[in-house]
Amino acid sequence: MAEAERPTLEELGEIAVLGRIFPRLPEAEATLLGPGDDAALLAAPDGRYVVTTDMLIHGPDFRWEFSTPEDLGWKAAATNLSDVAAMGARPTALVVALAAPATTPVDVLESFADGLRLGCAQLAPGCGVVGGDLSTSDVFTIAVTAFGDLEGRAPVRRSGARPGDAVAVAGELGVAARGLRLLFEQGRADALRADAHAVGRQLRPAPPIALGTVAADAGATAMMDISDGLVLDARRLAQASRVDLELDDLGDDALRGGEDHSLLATFPGDVPVPEGFRRIGSVVAGEGRVLVRGAEYDALGGWDPYEQWDGRLS
């Protein structure tokens, strides 16, 4: 469709735009009352809910030169689903708020909704979008709130690791960071030709959502999502648990790279880690450090938007 033929948000208005988006959104199995009222109503058979929220903002969190709207919808789902899984819960529903420039073509939001649907279907079947909000802003901004069902389990927190536990990970390490590096160095087309897998993992993360409940059922003592890099996030877990984590020397990319949204967990050391996880170290007595080859690993790596965003939007 020619640019002039693509209606924008300001041309159609909120009601018409939402009317085009709602049919594309994934339905949640837990929905008792979905989009269209003042609030959604969800079934909570466990009597408790895991709740998390995250934002994606054009500039520090994504660039249109790299991501399609569908990529962005997928990533918005994945980054929140992984936080629910890291608590040992099953993701059940998302609430999505968008603020976009008024000149944004409506088909951008339709493609974004398609990405949400595809991401939920692939990563967390049964999870869907139950509501949200649409507003205008000079900067494209996404805010997602995710809900999860513990299904009778105790939540797996960051603070439960104990000396003697095994440290294990499910999912890839350093791959998404390599993809991001290629995107900045070469642009989307050339980066995809150079390493389509790594670029794909940056644009559409594939966190092992189903393994969150597997880890909880296997007796995980602590767990968290690796969003900002293995060492950076492992240090957070170590500090919360007041222990040290002794990690294998996995190489700088794996230790420092972020945005894979893999699961980092600790398990009692006298039992095998569950299928889908691989052991990468041990928990030892300490004070919240990450050790590699017996020495504290000082090069944190990972991602901090307050320190590392260069202010560019493209």
C-alpha atoms as a PDB file:
ATOM      1  CA  MET A   1       0.000   0.000   0.000  1.00  0.00           C
ATOM      2  CA  ALA A   2       1.329   3.437  -0.933  1.00  0.00           C
ATOM      3  CA  GLU A   3       2.289   5.695   1.995  1.00  0.00           C
ATOM      4  CA  ALA A   4      -0.504   8.155   1.171  1.00  0.00           C
ATOM      5  CA  GLU A   5      -3.046   5.327   1.289  1.00  0.00           C
ATOM      6  CA  ARG A   6      -2.051   4.138   4.774  1.00  0.00           C
ATOM      7  CA  PRO A   7      -4.444   5.735   7.293  1.00  0.00           C
ATOM      8  CA  THR A   8      -2.808   7.118  10.430  1.00  0.00           C
ATOM      9  CA  LEU A   9      -3.891   7.143  14.046  1.00  0.00           C
ATOM     10  CA  GLU A  10      -4.982  10.781  13.900  1.00  0.00           C
ATOM     11  CA  GLU A  11      -7.011  10.161  10.737  1.00  0.00           C
ATOM     12  CA  LEU A  12      -8.999   7.211  12.107  1.00  0.00           C
ATOM     13  CA  GLY A  13      -9.182   8.068  15.808  1.00  0.00           C
ATOM     14  CA  GLU A  14      -8.932   5.853  18.869  1.00  0.00           C
ATOM     15  CA  ILE A  15     -12.232   3.957  18.591  1.00  0.00           C
ATOM     16  CA  ALA A  16     -11.714   2.952  14.977  1.00  0.00           C
ATOM     17  CA  VAL A  17      -8.072   2.002  15.567  1.00  0.00           C
ATOM     18  CA  LEU A  18      -8.958  -0.203  18.531  1.00  0.00           C
ATOM     19  CA  GLY A  19     -11.672  -1.796  16.436  1.00  0.00           C
ATOM     20  CA  ARG A  20      -9.003  -2.880  13.965  1.00  0.00           C
ATOM     21  CA  ILE A  21      -6.549  -4.049  16.630  1.00  0.00           C
ATOM     22  CA  PHE A  22      -8.773  -6.059  18.996  1.00  0.00           C
ATOM     23  CA  PRO A  23      -9.548  -8.880  16.513  1.00  0.00           C
ATOM     24  CA  ARG A  24      -5.809  -9.456  16.001  1.00  0.00           C
ATOM     25  CA  LEU A  25      -4.921  -9.809  19.685  1.00  0.00           C
ATOM     26  CA  PRO A  26      -4.472 -13.230  21.308  1.00  0.00           C
ATOM     27  CA  GLU A  27      -7.216 -14.408  23.636  1.00  0.00           C
ATOM     28  CA  ALA A  28      -6.309 -15.567  27.146  1.00  0.00           C
ATOM     29  CA  GLU A  29      -7.734 -18.810  28.454  1.00  0.00           C
ATOM     30  CA  ALA A  30      -8.063 -17.252  31.929  1.00  0.00           C
ATOM     31  CA  THR A  31     -10.365 -14.483  30.653  1.00  0.00           C
ATOM     32  CA  LEU A  32     -13.789 -14.169  32.244  1.00  0.00           C
ATOM     33  CA  LEU A  33     -14.312 -10.677  30.797  1.00  0.00           C
ATOM     34  CA  GLY A  34     -11.991  -9.355  28.114  1.00  0.00           C
ATOM     35  CA  PRO A  35     -11.372  -6.062  26.288  1.00  0.00           C
ATOM     36  CA  GLY A  36     -14.265  -3.659  25.921  1.00  0.00           C
ATOM     37  CA  ASP A  37     -15.238  -2.874  29.507  1.00  0.00           C
ATOM     38  CA  ASP A  38     -13.564  -0.648  32.121  1.00  0.00           C
ATOM     39  CA  ALA A  39     -11.386  -3.540  33.239  1.00  0.00           C
ATOM     40  CA  ALA A  40     -10.812  -7.193  32.475  1.00  0.00           C
ATOM     41  CA  LEU A  41     -11.801 -10.054  34.744  1.00  0.00           C
ATOM     42  CA  LEU A  42      -9.486 -13.049  35.081  1.00  0.00           C
ATOM     43  CA  ALA A  43      -9.920 -16.419  36.728  1.00  0.00           C
ATOM     44  CA  ALA A  44      -7.470 -16.980  39.598  1.00  0.00           C
ATOM     45  CA  PRO A  45      -7.934 -20.604  40.671  1.00  0.00           C
ATOM     46  CA  ASP A  46      -4.769 -20.516  42.806  1.00  0.00           C
ATOM     47  CA  GLY A  47      -6.009 -17.478  44.721  1.00  0.00           C
ATOM     48  CA  ARG A  48      -2.713 -15.669  44.003  1.00  0.00           C
ATOM     49  CA  TYR A  49      -1.251 -13.968  40.941  1.00  0.00           C
ATOM     50  CA  VAL A  50       2.266 -13.198  39.827  1.00  0.00           C
ATOM     51  CA  VAL A  51       2.364  -9.680  38.312  1.00  0.00           C
ATOM     52  CA  THR A  52       5.207  -7.960  36.457  1.00  0.00           C
ATOM     53  CA  THR A  53       5.563  -4.958  34.159  1.00  0.00           C
ATOM     54  CA  ASP A  54       8.115  -3.725  31.650  1.00  0.00           C
ATOM     55  CA  MET A  55       8.519  -0.902  29.123  1.00  0.00           C
ATOM     56  CA  LEU A  56      10.007  -0.667  25.641  1.00  0.00           C
ATOM     57  CA  ILE A  57      10.804   2.850  24.449  1.00  0.00           C
ATOM     58  CA  HIS A  58      11.996   3.873  21.011  1.00  0.00           C
ATOM     59  CA  GLY A  59      15.646   4.803  21.369  1.00  0.00           C
ATOM     60  CA  PRO A  60      17.055   3.057  24.423  1.00  0.00           C
ATOM     61  CA  ASP A  61      15.089  -0.187  23.985  1.00  0.00           C
ATOM     62  CA  PHE A  62      14.526  -0.603  20.244  1.00  0.00           C
ATOM     63  CA  ARG A  63      15.175   1.089  16.905  1.00  0.00           C
ATOM     64  CA  TRP A  64      12.780   1.114  13.958  1.00  0.00           C
ATOM     65  CA  GLU A  65      15.779   0.748  11.636  1.00  0.00           C
ATOM     66  CA  PHE A  66      16.275  -2.742  13.112  1.00  0.00           C
ATOM     67  CA  SER A  67      12.819  -3.965  14.196  1.00  0.00           C
ATOM     68  CA  THR A  68       9.583  -4.472  12.316  1.00  0.00           C
ATOM     69  CA  PRO A  69       6.327  -3.805  14.220  1.00  0.00           C
ATOM     70  CA  GLU A  70       5.733  -7.564  14.345  1.00  0.00           C
ATOM     71  CA  ASP A  71       9.217  -8.092  15.827  1.00  0.00           C
ATOM     72  CA  LEU A  72       8.385  -5.519  18.461  1.00  0.00           C
ATOM     73  CA  GLY A  73       5.086  -7.143  19.425  1.00  0.00           C
ATOM     74  CA  TRP A  74       6.832 -10.492  19.821  1.00  0.00           C
ATOM     75  CA  LYS A  75       9.601  -8.949  21.933  1.00  0.00           C
ATOM     76  CA  ALA A  76       7.146  -7.061  24.134  1.00  0.00           C
ATOM     77  CA  ALA A  77       5.453 -10.372  24.917  1.00  0.00           C
ATOM     78  CA  ALA A  78       8.663 -12.364  25.395  1.00  0.00           C
ATOM     79  CA  THR A  79      10.352  -9.958  27.789  1.00  0.00           C
ATOM     80  CA  ASN A  80       7.371 -10.029  30.139  1.00  0.00           C
ATOM     81  CA  LEU A  81       6.533 -13.710  29.830  1.00  0.00           C
ATOM     82  CA  SER A  82      10.070 -14.593  30.911  1.00  0.00           C
ATOM     83  CA  ASP A  83       9.716 -12.639  34.155  1.00  0.00           C
ATOM     84  CA  VAL A  84       6.556 -14.578  35.009  1.00  0.00           C
ATOM     85  CA  ALA A  85       8.297 -17.873  34.225  1.00  0.00           C
ATOM     86  CA  ALA A  86      11.229 -16.879  36.441  1.00  0.00           C
ATOM     87  CA  MET A  87       8.870 -16.899  39.448  1.00  0.00           C
ATOM     88  CA  GLY A  88       7.858 -20.488  38.686  1.00  0.00           C
ATOM     89  CA  ALA A  89       4.466 -19.438  37.322  1.00  0.00           C
ATOM     90  CA  ARG A  90       2.556 -20.088  34.103  1.00  0.00           C
ATOM     91  CA  PRO A  91       1.831 -16.882  32.127  1.00  0.00           C
ATOM     92  CA  THR A  92      -1.890 -16.303  31.717  1.00  0.00           C
ATOM     93  CA  ALA A  93      -2.578 -12.748  30.525  1.00  0.00           C
ATOM     94  CA  LEU A  94      -1.065  -9.476  29.309  1.00  0.00           C
ATOM     95  CA  VAL A  95      -2.282  -5.887  29.521  1.00  0.00           C
ATOM     96  CA  VAL A  96      -0.665  -3.682  26.867  1.00  0.00           C
ATOM     97  CA  ALA A  97      -0.528   0.126  26.779  1.00  0.00           C
ATOM     98  CA  LEU A  98       0.796   1.954  23.705  1.00  0.00           C
ATOM     99  CA  ALA A  99       1.659   5.593  23.126  1.00  0.00           C
ATOM    100  CA  ALA A 100       2.505   6.427  19.521  1.00  0.00           C
ATOM    101  CA  PRO A 101       2.934   9.543  17.373  1.00  0.00           C
ATOM    102  CA  ALA A 102      -0.368  10.591  15.817  1.00  0.00           C
ATOM    103  CA  THR A 103       1.142  10.205  12.347  1.00  0.00           C
ATOM    104  CA  THR A 104       1.819   6.496  12.911  1.00  0.00           C
ATOM    105  CA  PRO A 105       0.108   4.375  10.231  1.00  0.00           C
ATOM    106  CA  VAL A 106      -2.561   2.154  11.728  1.00  0.00           C
ATOM    107  CA  ASP A 107      -1.099  -0.918  10.051  1.00  0.00           C
ATOM    108  CA  VAL A 108       1.964  -0.515  12.288  1.00  0.00           C
ATOM    109  CA  LEU A 109      -0.225  -1.215  15.320  1.00  0.00           C
ATOM    110  CA  GLU A 110      -1.973  -4.052  13.498  1.00  0.00           C
ATOM    111  CA  SER A 111       1.404  -5.690  12.827  1.00  0.00           C
ATOM    112  CA  PHE A 112       2.424  -5.068  16.430  1.00  0.00           C
ATOM    113  CA  ALA A 113      -0.739  -6.891  17.552  1.00  0.00           C
ATOM    114  CA  ASP A 114       0.131  -9.755  15.207  1.00  0.00           C
ATOM    115  CA  GLY A 115       3.533  -9.999  16.898  1.00  0.00           C
ATOM    116  CA  LEU A 116       1.899 -10.194  20.312  1.00  0.00           C
ATOM    117  CA  ARG A 117      -0.344 -12.987  19.077  1.00  0.00           C
ATOM    118  CA  LEU A 118       2.509 -14.946  17.501  1.00  0.00           C
ATOM    119  CA  GLY A 119       4.763 -14.512  20.527  1.00  0.00           C
ATOM    120  CA  CYS A 120       2.133 -15.702  22.969  1.00  0.00           C
ATOM    121  CA  ALA A 121       1.173 -18.649  20.766  1.00  0.00           C
ATOM    122  CA  GLN A 122       4.784 -19.775  20.391  1.00  0.00           C
ATOM    123  CA  LEU A 123       6.113 -19.088  23.884  1.00  0.00           C
ATOM    124  CA  ALA A 124       3.112 -19.372  26.223  1.00  0.00           C
ATOM    125  CA  PRO A 125       0.057 -21.003  24.635  1.00  0.00           C
ATOM    126  CA  GLY A 126      -3.113 -19.961  26.411  1.00  0.00           C
ATOM    127  CA  CYS A 127      -1.756 -16.565  27.400  1.00  0.00           C
ATOM    128  CA  GLY A 128      -3.375 -13.575  25.695  1.00  0.00           C
ATOM    129  CA  VAL A 129      -4.083  -9.855  25.843  1.00  0.00           C
ATOM    130  CA  VAL A 130      -7.026  -8.894  28.064  1.00  0.00           C
ATOM    131  CA  GLY A 131      -6.877  -5.101  27.829  1.00  0.00           C
ATOM    132  CA  GLY A 132      -4.715  -2.005  27.754  1.00  0.00           C
ATOM    133  CA  ASP A 133      -4.668   1.584  26.578  1.00  0.00           C
ATOM    134  CA  LEU A 134      -3.843   3.646  23.496  1.00  0.00           C
ATOM    135  CA  SER A 135      -2.515   7.195  23.639  1.00  0.00           C
ATOM    136  CA  THR A 136      -0.339   9.623  21.712  1.00  0.00           C
ATOM    137  CA  SER A 137       3.270  10.610  22.270  1.00  0.00           C
ATOM    138  CA  ASP A 138       6.197  11.934  20.273  1.00  0.00           C
ATOM    139  CA  VAL A 139       8.106   8.777  21.245  1.00  0.00           C
ATOM    140  CA  PHE A 140       6.706   5.302  20.547  1.00  0.00           C
ATOM    141  CA  THR A 141       6.310   3.714  23.980  1.00  0.00           C
ATOM    142  CA  ILE A 142       5.077   0.273  25.030  1.00  0.00           C
ATOM    143  CA  ALA A 143       4.149  -0.757  28.555  1.00  0.00           C
ATOM    144  CA  VAL A 144       3.176  -4.372  29.222  1.00  0.00           C
ATOM    145  CA  THR A 145       1.870  -5.882  32.432  1.00  0.00           C
ATOM    146  CA  ALA A 146       1.912  -9.675  32.635  1.00  0.00           C
ATOM    147  CA  PHE A 147       0.058 -12.008  34.980  1.00  0.00           C
ATOM    148  CA  GLY A 148       0.880 -15.581  35.935  1.00  0.00           C
ATOM    149  CA  ASP A 149      -0.686 -18.493  37.806  1.00  0.00           C
ATOM    150  CA  LEU A 150       1.437 -20.311  40.404  1.00  0.00           C
ATOM    151  CA  GLU A 151      -0.932 -23.300  40.241  1.00  0.00           C
ATOM    152  CA  GLY A 152      -0.386 -24.096  43.912  1.00  0.00           C
ATOM    153  CA  ARG A 153       3.405 -23.704  43.878  1.00  0.00           C
ATOM    154  CA  ALA A 154       5.434 -21.480  46.144  1.00  0.00           C
ATOM    155  CA  PRO A 155       7.023 -18.632  44.160  1.00  0.00           C
ATOM    156  CA  VAL A 156      10.697 -19.133  43.324  1.00  0.00           C
ATOM    157  CA  ARG A 157      12.493 -15.996  44.489  1.00  0.00           C
ATOM    158  CA  ARG A 158      16.010 -14.674  43.973  1.00  0.00           C
ATOM    159  CA  SER A 159      16.815 -14.984  47.647  1.00  0.00           C
ATOM    160  CA  GLY A 160      16.761 -18.755  48.163  1.00  0.00           C
ATOM    161  CA  ALA A 161      20.175 -19.918  46.885  1.00  0.00           C
ATOM    162  CA  ARG A 162      22.300 -21.702  49.489  1.00  0.00           C
ATOM    163  CA  PRO A 163      25.931 -22.909  49.574  1.00  0.00           C
ATOM    164  CA  GLY A 164      26.194 -26.301  47.919  1.00  0.00           C
ATOM    165  CA  ASP A 165      23.456 -25.593  45.357  1.00  0.00           C
ATOM    166  CA  ALA A 166      24.124 -26.063  41.661  1.00  0.00           C
ATOM    167  CA  VAL A 167      23.887 -23.029  39.363  1.00  0.00           C
ATOM    168  CA  ALA A 168      22.138 -23.824  36.089  1.00  0.00           C
ATOM    169  CA  VAL A 169      20.768 -22.035  33.052  1.00  0.00           C
ATOM    170  CA  ALA A 170      18.071 -22.808  30.481  1.00  0.00           C
ATOM    171  CA  GLY A 171      18.314 -21.073  27.127  1.00  0.00           C
ATOM    172  CA  GLU A 172      21.082 -19.356  25.220  1.00  0.00           C
ATOM    173  CA  LEU A 173      23.771 -17.025  26.545  1.00  0.00           C
ATOM    174  CA  GLY A 174      25.326 -14.133  24.654  1.00  0.00           C
ATOM    175  CA  VAL A 175      23.507 -14.813  21.386  1.00  0.00           C
ATOM    176  CA  ALA A 176      21.141 -11.821  21.439  1.00  0.00           C
ATOM    177  CA  ALA A 177      24.008  -9.499  22.362  1.00  0.00           C
ATOM    178  CA  ARG A 178      25.976 -10.745  19.370  1.00  0.00           C
ATOM    179  CA  GLY A 179      22.959 -10.055  17.182  1.00  0.00           C
ATOM    180  CA  LEU A 180      22.670  -6.507  18.545  1.00  0.00           C
ATOM    181  CA  ARG A 181      26.342  -5.871  17.911  1.00  0.00           C
ATOM    182  CA  LEU A 182      25.924  -6.988  14.293  1.00  0.00           C
ATOM    183  CA  LEU A 183      22.879  -4.757  13.854  1.00  0.00           C
ATOM    184  CA  PHE A 184      24.804  -1.694  15.000  1.00  0.00           C
ATOM    185  CA  GLU A 185      27.844  -2.588  12.927  1.00  0.00           C
ATOM    186  CA  GLN A 186      26.161  -3.682   9.704  1.00  0.00           C
ATOM    187  CA  GLY A 187      22.474  -2.734   9.666  1.00  0.00           C
ATOM    188  CA  ARG A 188      19.563  -5.156   9.532  1.00  0.00           C
ATOM    189  CA  ALA A 189      19.969  -6.643   6.049  1.00  0.00           C
ATOM    190  CA  ASP A 190      23.722  -7.320   6.257  1.00  0.00           C
ATOM    191  CA  ALA A 191      23.509  -8.468   9.874  1.00  0.00           C
ATOM    192  CA  LEU A 192      20.849 -11.043   8.988  1.00  0.00           C
ATOM    193  CA  ARG A 193      23.067 -12.358   6.218  1.00  0.00           C
ATOM    194  CA  ALA A 194      26.027 -12.545   8.599  1.00  0.00           C
ATOM    195  CA  ASP A 195      24.238 -14.384  11.436  1.00  0.00           C
ATOM    196  CA  ALA A 196      20.487 -14.745  11.042  1.00  0.00           C
ATOM    197  CA  HIS A 197      20.154 -16.798  14.223  1.00  0.00           C
ATOM    198  CA  ALA A 198      21.812 -14.235  16.491  1.00  0.00           C
ATOM    199  CA  VAL A 199      19.961 -11.301  14.935  1.00  0.00           C
ATOM    200  CA  GLY A 200      16.709 -13.226  15.167  1.00  0.00           C
ATOM    201  CA  ARG A 201      17.263 -13.862  18.870  1.00  0.00           C
ATOM    202  CA  GLN A 202      17.835 -10.135  19.434  1.00  0.00           C
ATOM    203  CA  LEU A 203      14.708  -9.098  17.550  1.00  0.00           C
ATOM    204  CA  ARG A 204      12.508 -12.011  18.673  1.00  0.00           C
ATOM    205  CA  PRO A 205      13.820 -13.570  21.905  1.00  0.00           C
ATOM    206  CA  ALA A 206      12.937 -17.196  22.560  1.00  0.00           C
ATOM    207  CA  PRO A 207      12.974 -17.584  26.355  1.00  0.00           C
ATOM    208  CA  PRO A 208      12.243 -21.105  27.658  1.00  0.00           C
ATOM    209  CA  ILE A 209       8.969 -20.089  29.287  1.00  0.00           C
ATOM    210  CA  ALA A 210       7.699 -23.617  29.941  1.00  0.00           C
ATOM    211  CA  LEU A 211      10.828 -24.470  31.922  1.00  0.00           C
ATOM    212  CA  GLY A 212       9.932 -21.992  34.658  1.00  0.00           C
ATOM    213  CA  THR A 213       7.331 -24.331  36.115  1.00  0.00           C
ATOM    214  CA  VAL A 214       9.612 -27.311  35.433  1.00  0.00           C
ATOM    215  CA  ALA A 215      12.323 -25.689  37.560  1.00  0.00           C
ATOM    216  CA  ALA A 216       9.877 -24.899  40.353  1.00  0.00           C
ATOM    217  CA  ASP A 217       8.560 -28.460  40.396  1.00  0.00           C
ATOM    218  CA  ALA A 218      12.156 -29.764  40.469  1.00  0.00           C
ATOM    219  CA  GLY A 219      12.885 -27.828  43.651  1.00  0.00           C
ATOM    220  CA  ALA A 220      14.655 -24.730  42.367  1.00  0.00           C
ATOM    221  CA  THR A 221      15.866 -22.721  45.360  1.00  0.00           C
ATOM    222  CA  ALA A 222      16.232 -19.429  43.432  1.00  0.00           C
ATOM    223  CA  MET A 223      15.555 -18.261  39.896  1.00  0.00           C
ATOM    224  CA  MET A 224      15.492 -15.161  37.717  1.00  0.00           C
ATOM    225  CA  ASP A 225      15.270 -14.031  34.118  1.00  0.00           C
ATOM    226  CA  ILE A 226      18.596 -13.131  32.445  1.00  0.00           C
ATOM    227  CA  SER A 227      17.693  -9.872  30.754  1.00  0.00           C
ATOM    228  CA  ASP A 228      20.740  -7.687  31.372  1.00  0.00           C
ATOM    229  CA  GLY A 229      23.547 -10.247  31.096  1.00  0.00           C
ATOM    230  CA  LEU A 230      24.527 -13.408  32.986  1.00  0.00           C
ATOM    231  CA  VAL A 231      27.065 -11.847  35.369  1.00  0.00           C
ATOM    232  CA  LEU A 232      25.018  -8.721  36.014  1.00  0.00           C
ATOM    233  CA  ASP A 233      21.890 -10.710  36.812  1.00  0.00           C
ATOM    234  CA  ALA A 234      23.781 -13.473  38.649  1.00  0.00           C
ATOM    235  CA  ARG A 235      25.198 -10.814  40.952  1.00  0.00           C
ATOM    236  CA  ARG A 236      21.659  -9.658  41.732  1.00  0.00           C
ATOM    237  CA  LEU A 237      20.710 -13.218  42.658  1.00  0.00           C
ATOM    238  CA  ALA A 238      23.885 -13.625  44.722  1.00  0.00           C
ATOM    239  CA  GLN A 239      23.244 -10.397  46.608  1.00  0.00           C
ATOM    240  CA  ALA A 240      19.604 -11.281  47.268  1.00  0.00           C
ATOM    241  CA  SER A 241      20.665 -14.704  48.595  1.00  0.00           C
ATOM    242  CA  ARG A 242      23.788 -13.407  50.411  1.00  0.00           C
ATOM    243  CA  VAL A 243      26.036 -15.969  48.759  1.00  0.00           C
ATOM    244  CA  ASP A 244      28.687 -16.081  46.035  1.00  0.00           C
ATOM    245  CA  LEU A 245      28.135 -17.776  42.679  1.00  0.00           C
ATOM    246  CA  GLU A 246      31.141 -19.593  41.247  1.00  0.00           C
ATOM    247  CA  LEU A 247      30.560 -19.778  37.473  1.00  0.00           C
ATOM    248  CA  ASP A 248      32.360 -21.757  34.802  1.00  0.00           C
ATOM    249  CA  ASP A 249      34.454 -19.703  32.383  1.00  0.00           C
ATOM    250  CA  LEU A 250      31.912 -19.561  29.561  1.00  0.00           C
ATOM    251  CA  GLY A 251      33.641 -16.783  27.627  1.00  0.00           C
ATOM    252  CA  ASP A 252      32.982 -13.052  27.683  1.00  0.00           C
ATOM    253  CA  ASP A 253      30.020 -13.134  25.268  1.00  0.00           C
ATOM    254  CA  ALA A 254      28.128 -15.619  27.416  1.00  0.00           C
ATOM    255  CA  LEU A 255      29.093 -13.975  30.697  1.00  0.00           C
ATOM    256  CA  ARG A 256      28.371 -10.392  29.669  1.00  0.00           C
ATOM    257  CA  GLY A 257      25.765 -10.487  26.905  1.00  0.00           C
ATOM    258  CA  GLY A 258      22.171  -9.539  27.701  1.00  0.00           C
ATOM    259  CA  GLU A 259      18.649  -9.843  26.275  1.00  0.00           C
ATOM    260  CA  ASP A 260      18.582 -13.610  25.763  1.00  0.00           C
ATOM    261  CA  HIS A 261      15.918 -13.787  28.515  1.00  0.00           C
ATOM    262  CA  SER A 262      17.118 -17.227  29.528  1.00  0.00           C
ATOM    263  CA  LEU A 263      16.440 -18.602  33.003  1.00  0.00           C
ATOM    264  CA  LEU A 264      19.113 -18.654  35.711  1.00  0.00           C
ATOM    265  CA  ALA A 265      18.320 -21.013  38.581  1.00  0.00           C
ATOM    266  CA  THR A 266      19.882 -22.770  41.539  1.00  0.00           C
ATOM    267  CA  PHE A 267      19.026 -26.329  42.569  1.00  0.00           C
ATOM    268  CA  PRO A 268      20.004 -28.542  45.501  1.00  0.00           C
ATOM    269  CA  GLY A 269      23.457 -29.860  44.665  1.00  0.00           C
ATOM    270  CA  ASP A 270      22.726 -33.481  45.472  1.00  0.00           C
ATOM    271  CA  VAL A 271      20.161 -33.995  42.688  1.00  0.00           C
ATOM    272  CA  PRO A 272      20.458 -33.683  38.888  1.00  0.00           C
ATOM    273  CA  VAL A 273      19.266 -30.413  37.373  1.00  0.00           C
ATOM    274  CA  PRO A 274      16.037 -30.886  35.393  1.00  0.00           C
ATOM    275  CA  GLU A 275      16.033 -31.576  31.679  1.00  0.00           C
ATOM    276  CA  GLY A 276      16.370 -28.353  29.690  1.00  0.00           C
ATOM    277  CA  PHE A 277      18.806 -26.836  32.196  1.00  0.00           C
ATOM    278  CA  ARG A 278      22.580 -27.204  32.152  1.00  0.00           C
ATOM    279  CA  ARG A 279      24.878 -26.766  35.121  1.00  0.00           C
ATOM    280  CA  ILE A 280      27.266 -23.796  34.847  1.00  0.00           C
ATOM    281  CA  GLY A 281      28.583 -23.447  38.390  1.00  0.00           C
ATOM    282  CA  SER A 282      28.007 -23.719  42.113  1.00  0.00           C
ATOM    283  CA  VAL A 283      26.773 -21.646  45.030  1.00  0.00           C
ATOM    284  CA  VAL A 284      29.402 -21.025  47.714  1.00  0.00           C
ATOM    285  CA  ALA A 285      29.419 -19.072  50.950  1.00  0.00           C
ATOM    286  CA  GLY A 286      30.075 -15.397  50.370  1.00  0.00           C
ATOM    287  CA  GLU A 287      28.763 -11.879  50.235  1.00  0.00           C
ATOM    288  CA  GLY A 288      27.043 -11.412  46.884  1.00  0.00           C
ATOM    289  CA  ARG A 289      29.851 -11.797  44.367  1.00  0.00           C
ATOM    290  CA  VAL A 290      30.186 -13.619  41.047  1.00  0.00           C
ATOM    291  CA  LEU A 291      33.418 -15.597  40.752  1.00  0.00           C
ATOM    292  CA  VAL A 292      35.054 -17.021  37.628  1.00  0.00           C
ATOM    293  CA  ARG A 293      38.184 -19.140  38.080  1.00  0.00           C
ATOM    294  CA  GLY A 294      38.126 -18.287  41.758  1.00  0.00           C
ATOM    295  CA  ALA A 295      38.322 -14.509  41.256  1.00  0.00           C
ATOM    296  CA  GLU A 296      35.574 -11.901  41.245  1.00  0.00           C
ATOM    297  CA  TYR A 297      34.438 -11.143  37.712  1.00  0.00           C
ATOM    298  CA  ASP A 298      34.515  -7.351  37.536  1.00  0.00           C
ATOM    299  CA  ALA A 299      33.533  -6.782  33.893  1.00  0.00           C
ATOM    300  CA  LEU A 300      29.773  -6.724  34.323  1.00  0.00           C
ATOM    301  CA  GLY A 301      28.705  -6.080  30.740  1.00  0.00           C
ATOM    302  CA  GLY A 302      24.980  -6.309  30.195  1.00  0.00           C
ATOM    303  CA  TRP A 303      22.655  -3.386  29.574  1.00  0.00           C
ATOM    304  CA  ASP A 304      21.868  -0.300  31.629  1.00  0.00           C
ATOM    305  CA  PRO A 305      19.841   2.329  29.689  1.00  0.00           C
ATOM    306  CA  TYR A 306      20.805   5.071  32.135  1.00  0.00           C
ATOM    307  CA  GLU A 307      24.497   4.565  31.389  1.00  0.00           C
ATOM    308  CA  GLN A 308      24.687   3.153  27.874  1.00  0.00           C
ATOM    309  CA  TRP A 309      22.024   4.777  25.695  1.00  0.00           C
ATOM    310  CA  ASP A 310      23.687   7.294  23.371  1.00  0.00           C
ATOM    311  CA  GLY A 311      20.545   9.423  22.999  1.00  0.00           C
ATOM    312  CA  ARG A 312      20.021   8.441  19.360  1.00  0.00           C
ATOM    313  CA  LEU A 313      16.652   7.404  17.964  1.00  0.00           C
ATOM    314  CA  SER A 314      18.077   5.932  14.771  1.00  0.00           C
END
